[in-house]
């Protein structure tokens, strides 16, 4: 059974940094896309950052220039580095691993940015 485990969340002051990680366990196969989503109270889940197996990266406009995502294919792990955090970045962050026909989700990890 495949499981995704997020780690690294917590409380940080505005302007600070956090590093998250998400590791997969189980037989997951080849993952095309590894990404991070977030959901704030009352909001829909939104894509924050993603990286393809070939290394192409994409970011939500709201985090461009502040967040950087990377992946380690052999370890089935994806890492977002979040700098310059703002109170509006407060949300539950979910990692997602996608390949054709299959999506795996982590349970989510809370990031709180205080002003």
N, C-alpha and C. Protein backbone atom coordinates (compact mmCIF):
# COMPACT_ATOMS: atom_id res chain seq x y z
N UNK A 1 0.85 -1.19 0.00
CA UNK A 1 0.00 0.00 0.00
C UNK A 1 0.89 1.24 0.00
N UNK A 2 0.58 2.17 -0.91
CA UNK A 2 1.38 3.38 -1.01
C UNK A 2 0.91 4.40 0.01
N UNK A 3 1.87 5.03 0.67
CA UNK A 3 1.56 6.12 1.60
C UNK A 3 2.52 7.27 1.35
N UNK A 4 2.00 8.49 1.44
CA UNK A 4 2.82 9.69 1.37
C UNK A 4 2.85 10.31 2.75
N UNK A 5 4.05 10.66 3.20
CA UNK A 5 4.21 11.23 4.54
C UNK A 5 4.87 12.59 4.44
N UNK A 6 4.12 13.63 4.84
CA UNK A 6 4.67 14.98 4.85
C UNK A 6 5.33 15.27 6.18
N UNK A 7 6.32 16.14 6.16
CA UNK A 7 6.96 16.58 7.39
C UNK A 7 7.50 17.99 7.20
N UNK A 8 7.74 18.66 8.33
CA UNK A 8 8.40 19.96 8.29
C UNK A 8 7.52 21.16 8.52
N UNK A 9 6.24 20.98 8.70
CA UNK A 9 5.37 22.13 8.91
C UNK A 9 5.53 22.73 10.29
N UNK A 10 4.72 23.75 10.58
CA UNK A 10 4.78 24.36 11.89
C UNK A 10 4.45 25.83 11.84
N UNK A 11 4.87 26.53 12.87
CA UNK A 11 4.59 27.96 13.03
C UNK A 11 5.85 28.76 12.73
N UNK A 12 5.68 29.81 11.94
CA UNK A 12 6.81 30.67 11.59
C UNK A 12 6.31 32.10 11.51
N UNK A 13 7.18 33.04 11.77
CA UNK A 13 6.82 34.44 11.65
C UNK A 13 6.88 34.89 10.20
N UNK A 14 6.13 35.90 9.90
CA UNK A 14 6.14 36.45 8.54
C UNK A 14 7.56 36.83 8.16
N UNK A 15 7.92 36.49 6.94
CA UNK A 15 9.27 36.73 6.46
C UNK A 15 10.21 35.57 6.68
N UNK A 16 9.78 34.59 7.45
CA UNK A 16 10.60 33.44 7.76
C UNK A 16 10.55 32.37 6.68
N UNK A 17 11.18 31.24 6.98
CA UNK A 17 11.29 30.15 6.01
C UNK A 17 10.91 28.83 6.66
N UNK A 18 10.44 27.93 5.83
CA UNK A 18 10.17 26.55 6.23
C UNK A 18 10.54 25.64 5.08
N UNK A 19 11.00 24.45 5.42
CA UNK A 19 11.25 23.42 4.41
C UNK A 19 10.33 22.25 4.70
N UNK A 20 9.56 21.87 3.72
CA UNK A 20 8.71 20.70 3.85
C UNK A 20 9.35 19.54 3.06
N UNK A 21 8.92 18.35 3.39
CA UNK A 21 9.31 17.20 2.58
C UNK A 21 8.16 16.22 2.55
N UNK A 22 8.15 15.41 1.51
CA UNK A 22 7.13 14.38 1.36
C UNK A 22 7.81 13.16 0.79
N UNK A 23 7.68 12.06 1.50
CA UNK A 23 8.30 10.82 1.06
C UNK A 23 7.24 9.76 0.87
N UNK A 24 7.43 8.95 -0.15
CA UNK A 24 6.49 7.87 -0.45
C UNK A 24 7.04 6.55 0.05
N UNK A 25 6.17 5.74 0.58
CA UNK A 25 6.53 4.37 0.93
C UNK A 25 5.64 3.41 0.18
N UNK A 26 6.13 2.24 -0.05
CA UNK A 26 5.37 1.27 -0.82
C UNK A 26 5.80 1.27 -2.27
N UNK A 27 5.19 0.43 -3.05
CA UNK A 27 5.54 0.28 -4.46
C UNK A 27 4.78 1.31 -5.27
N UNK A 28 5.42 2.42 -5.56
CA UNK A 28 4.73 3.55 -6.15
C UNK A 28 4.91 3.65 -7.66
N UNK A 29 5.91 3.00 -8.22
CA UNK A 29 6.14 3.08 -9.65
C UNK A 29 6.78 4.39 -10.04
N UNK A 30 6.72 4.67 -11.32
CA UNK A 30 7.35 5.89 -11.86
C UNK A 30 6.36 7.05 -11.79
N UNK A 31 6.74 8.09 -11.10
CA UNK A 31 5.85 9.23 -10.88
C UNK A 31 6.16 10.34 -11.88
N UNK A 32 5.15 10.75 -12.64
CA UNK A 32 5.34 11.81 -13.62
C UNK A 32 5.46 13.18 -12.96
N UNK A 33 4.60 13.41 -11.98
CA UNK A 33 4.50 14.74 -11.42
C UNK A 33 4.44 14.66 -9.91
N UNK A 34 5.30 15.41 -9.25
CA UNK A 34 5.25 15.54 -7.80
C UNK A 34 4.91 16.99 -7.48
N UNK A 35 3.95 17.17 -6.61
CA UNK A 35 3.55 18.53 -6.34
C UNK A 35 3.06 18.75 -4.93
N UNK A 36 2.84 20.02 -4.65
CA UNK A 36 2.29 20.44 -3.37
C UNK A 36 1.06 21.30 -3.62
N UNK A 37 0.03 21.03 -2.87
CA UNK A 37 -1.19 21.82 -2.89
C UNK A 37 -1.38 22.39 -1.47
N UNK A 38 -2.26 23.36 -1.38
CA UNK A 38 -2.59 23.86 -0.06
C UNK A 38 -4.07 24.25 -0.02
N UNK A 39 -4.59 24.21 1.19
CA UNK A 39 -5.99 24.58 1.38
C UNK A 39 -6.11 25.37 2.67
N UNK A 40 -6.55 26.60 2.51
CA UNK A 40 -6.81 27.46 3.66
C UNK A 40 -8.29 27.34 4.04
N UNK A 41 -8.63 27.64 5.28
CA UNK A 41 -10.04 27.54 5.70
C UNK A 41 -10.96 28.35 4.79
N UNK A 42 -11.99 27.70 4.31
CA UNK A 42 -12.96 28.37 3.46
C UNK A 42 -12.55 28.47 2.01
N UNK A 43 -11.36 27.99 1.69
CA UNK A 43 -10.87 28.08 0.31
C UNK A 43 -10.79 26.70 -0.33
N UNK A 44 -10.73 26.69 -1.64
CA UNK A 44 -10.51 25.44 -2.35
C UNK A 44 -9.03 25.07 -2.31
N UNK A 45 -8.79 23.80 -2.51
CA UNK A 45 -7.40 23.35 -2.58
C UNK A 45 -6.78 23.90 -3.86
N UNK A 46 -5.58 24.42 -3.75
CA UNK A 46 -4.92 25.00 -4.91
C UNK A 46 -3.51 24.44 -5.06
N UNK A 47 -3.07 24.37 -6.31
CA UNK A 47 -1.72 23.92 -6.60
C UNK A 47 -0.74 25.03 -6.24
N UNK A 48 0.30 24.67 -5.50
CA UNK A 48 1.33 25.62 -5.10
C UNK A 48 2.57 25.48 -5.97
N UNK A 49 3.04 24.27 -6.12
CA UNK A 49 4.27 24.03 -6.89
C UNK A 49 4.29 22.59 -7.33
N UNK A 50 4.92 22.34 -8.48
CA UNK A 50 5.02 20.98 -9.00
C UNK A 50 6.28 20.84 -9.81
N UNK A 51 6.77 19.61 -9.89
CA UNK A 51 7.97 19.33 -10.68
C UNK A 51 7.77 18.01 -11.40
N UNK A 52 8.07 18.00 -12.69
CA UNK A 52 7.92 16.80 -13.49
C UNK A 52 9.13 15.88 -13.32
N UNK A 53 9.01 14.68 -13.85
CA UNK A 53 10.11 13.74 -13.78
C UNK A 53 11.32 14.25 -14.56
N UNK A 54 11.07 15.12 -15.53
CA UNK A 54 12.18 15.70 -16.29
C UNK A 54 12.76 16.96 -15.69
N UNK A 55 12.19 17.38 -14.56
CA UNK A 55 12.74 18.53 -13.86
C UNK A 55 12.07 19.86 -14.17
N UNK A 56 11.01 19.84 -14.99
CA UNK A 56 10.31 21.10 -15.26
C UNK A 56 9.48 21.49 -14.04
N UNK A 57 9.59 22.77 -13.63
CA UNK A 57 8.93 23.22 -12.42
C UNK A 57 7.90 24.29 -12.73
N UNK A 58 6.82 24.27 -11.99
CA UNK A 58 5.80 25.30 -12.14
C UNK A 58 5.33 25.74 -10.77
N UNK A 59 4.90 27.00 -10.69
CA UNK A 59 4.52 27.58 -9.41
C UNK A 59 3.26 28.42 -9.57
N UNK A 60 2.48 28.49 -8.50
CA UNK A 60 1.38 29.43 -8.46
C UNK A 60 1.96 30.85 -8.47
N UNK A 61 1.25 31.77 -9.09
CA UNK A 61 1.74 33.15 -9.16
C UNK A 61 2.02 33.72 -7.77
N UNK A 62 1.22 33.32 -6.82
CA UNK A 62 1.32 33.88 -5.47
C UNK A 62 2.61 33.48 -4.75
N UNK A 63 3.30 32.44 -5.24
CA UNK A 63 4.51 31.99 -4.54
C UNK A 63 5.77 32.10 -5.39
N UNK A 64 5.62 32.53 -6.63
CA UNK A 64 6.78 32.66 -7.51
C UNK A 64 7.82 33.59 -6.89
N UNK A 65 9.06 33.17 -6.95
CA UNK A 65 10.14 33.97 -6.38
C UNK A 65 10.35 33.73 -4.90
N UNK A 66 9.43 33.03 -4.26
CA UNK A 66 9.56 32.78 -2.82
C UNK A 66 9.70 31.29 -2.50
N UNK A 67 9.05 30.45 -3.30
CA UNK A 67 9.09 29.00 -3.06
C UNK A 67 9.95 28.34 -4.13
N UNK A 68 10.61 27.26 -3.76
CA UNK A 68 11.39 26.47 -4.72
C UNK A 68 11.13 25.00 -4.43
N UNK A 69 10.79 24.26 -5.48
CA UNK A 69 10.47 22.84 -5.31
C UNK A 69 11.54 22.00 -5.99
N UNK A 70 11.87 20.88 -5.37
CA UNK A 70 12.82 19.94 -5.96
C UNK A 70 12.37 18.53 -5.62
N UNK A 71 12.90 17.57 -6.35
CA UNK A 71 12.53 16.18 -6.12
C UNK A 71 13.77 15.29 -6.21
N UNK A 72 13.68 14.15 -5.51
CA UNK A 72 14.72 13.14 -5.58
C UNK A 72 14.03 11.88 -6.09
N UNK A 73 14.22 11.56 -7.33
CA UNK A 73 13.48 10.46 -7.94
C UNK A 73 13.77 9.11 -7.27
N UNK A 74 15.02 8.87 -6.99
CA UNK A 74 15.38 7.57 -6.43
C UNK A 74 14.77 7.36 -5.05
N UNK A 75 14.57 8.46 -4.34
CA UNK A 75 14.00 8.36 -2.99
C UNK A 75 12.50 8.62 -2.98
N UNK A 76 11.93 8.92 -4.15
CA UNK A 76 10.50 9.26 -4.22
C UNK A 76 10.14 10.32 -3.20
N UNK A 77 10.89 11.39 -3.24
CA UNK A 77 10.71 12.47 -2.27
C UNK A 77 10.66 13.81 -2.99
N UNK A 78 9.80 14.70 -2.50
CA UNK A 78 9.71 16.03 -3.06
C UNK A 78 9.83 17.04 -1.92
N UNK A 79 10.54 18.14 -2.21
CA UNK A 79 10.87 19.12 -1.17
C UNK A 79 10.49 20.52 -1.66
N UNK A 80 9.62 21.24 -0.98
CA UNK A 80 9.47 22.65 -1.25
C UNK A 80 10.22 23.46 -0.20
N UNK A 81 11.01 24.40 -0.66
CA UNK A 81 11.64 25.36 0.24
C UNK A 81 10.81 26.62 0.15
N UNK A 82 10.33 27.08 1.29
CA UNK A 82 9.43 28.23 1.31
C UNK A 82 10.11 29.37 2.06
N UNK A 83 10.41 30.43 1.33
CA UNK A 83 11.04 31.62 1.91
C UNK A 83 10.10 32.80 1.82
N UNK A 84 10.39 33.82 2.60
CA UNK A 84 9.58 35.03 2.55
C UNK A 84 8.12 34.75 2.84
N UNK A 85 7.86 33.90 3.81
CA UNK A 85 6.48 33.49 4.08
C UNK A 85 5.61 34.65 4.53
N UNK A 86 4.36 34.61 4.11
CA UNK A 86 3.38 35.64 4.43
C UNK A 86 2.21 35.02 5.19
N UNK A 87 1.48 35.81 5.96
CA UNK A 87 0.32 35.26 6.67
C UNK A 87 -0.67 34.56 5.72
N UNK A 88 -0.78 35.04 4.51
CA UNK A 88 -1.70 34.41 3.56
C UNK A 88 -1.21 33.06 3.06
N UNK A 89 0.00 32.67 3.42
CA UNK A 89 0.48 31.32 3.09
C UNK A 89 -0.01 30.29 4.11
N UNK A 90 -0.65 30.75 5.16
CA UNK A 90 -1.17 29.84 6.17
C UNK A 90 -2.21 28.91 5.56
N UNK A 91 -1.97 27.61 5.72
CA UNK A 91 -2.86 26.61 5.11
C UNK A 91 -2.38 25.22 5.53
N UNK A 92 -3.19 24.26 5.20
CA UNK A 92 -2.75 22.85 5.26
C UNK A 92 -2.15 22.52 3.90
N UNK A 93 -0.95 22.01 3.91
CA UNK A 93 -0.23 21.69 2.69
C UNK A 93 -0.26 20.18 2.46
N UNK A 94 -0.60 19.80 1.23
CA UNK A 94 -0.72 18.39 0.86
C UNK A 94 0.26 18.07 -0.26
N UNK A 95 0.94 16.96 -0.16
CA UNK A 95 1.74 16.55 -1.30
C UNK A 95 0.93 15.60 -2.17
N UNK A 96 1.26 15.60 -3.42
CA UNK A 96 0.55 14.80 -4.42
C UNK A 96 1.56 14.20 -5.38
N UNK A 97 1.43 12.90 -5.60
CA UNK A 97 2.23 12.22 -6.61
C UNK A 97 1.27 11.73 -7.68
N UNK A 98 1.58 12.05 -8.92
CA UNK A 98 0.67 11.72 -10.02
C UNK A 98 1.39 10.95 -11.11
N UNK A 99 0.73 9.89 -11.56
CA UNK A 99 1.11 9.25 -12.81
C UNK A 99 -0.18 8.93 -13.53
N UNK A 100 -0.10 8.55 -14.76
CA UNK A 100 -1.30 8.40 -15.57
C UNK A 100 -2.32 7.49 -14.89
N UNK A 101 -3.47 8.05 -14.61
CA UNK A 101 -4.55 7.27 -14.03
C UNK A 101 -4.53 7.13 -12.53
N UNK A 102 -3.50 7.65 -11.87
CA UNK A 102 -3.38 7.45 -10.43
C UNK A 102 -2.91 8.73 -9.75
N UNK A 103 -3.56 9.06 -8.65
CA UNK A 103 -3.11 10.16 -7.80
C UNK A 103 -2.95 9.65 -6.37
N UNK A 104 -1.84 9.99 -5.77
CA UNK A 104 -1.60 9.68 -4.36
C UNK A 104 -1.53 10.99 -3.59
N UNK A 105 -2.14 10.98 -2.40
CA UNK A 105 -2.18 12.19 -1.58
C UNK A 105 -1.66 11.90 -0.18
N UNK A 106 -0.94 12.89 0.36
CA UNK A 106 -0.60 12.84 1.76
C UNK A 106 -1.78 13.32 2.59
N UNK A 107 -1.68 13.19 3.90
CA UNK A 107 -2.77 13.58 4.80
C UNK A 107 -2.78 15.07 5.06
N UNK A 108 -1.70 15.76 4.74
CA UNK A 108 -1.63 17.19 4.94
C UNK A 108 -0.84 17.56 6.18
N UNK A 109 -0.23 18.75 6.10
CA UNK A 109 0.55 19.25 7.21
C UNK A 109 0.29 20.75 7.33
N UNK A 110 0.13 21.22 8.56
CA UNK A 110 -0.26 22.60 8.78
C UNK A 110 0.96 23.52 8.79
N UNK A 111 0.83 24.60 8.04
CA UNK A 111 1.81 25.69 8.06
C UNK A 111 1.08 26.94 8.51
N UNK A 112 1.56 27.56 9.57
CA UNK A 112 0.95 28.78 10.10
C UNK A 112 1.99 29.89 10.10
N UNK A 113 1.64 30.99 9.47
CA UNK A 113 2.53 32.14 9.39
C UNK A 113 1.91 33.27 10.20
N UNK A 114 2.59 33.70 11.23
CA UNK A 114 2.07 34.77 12.08
C UNK A 114 2.57 36.13 11.60
N UNK A 115 1.73 37.13 11.79
CA UNK A 115 2.10 38.48 11.32
C UNK A 115 2.84 39.25 12.40
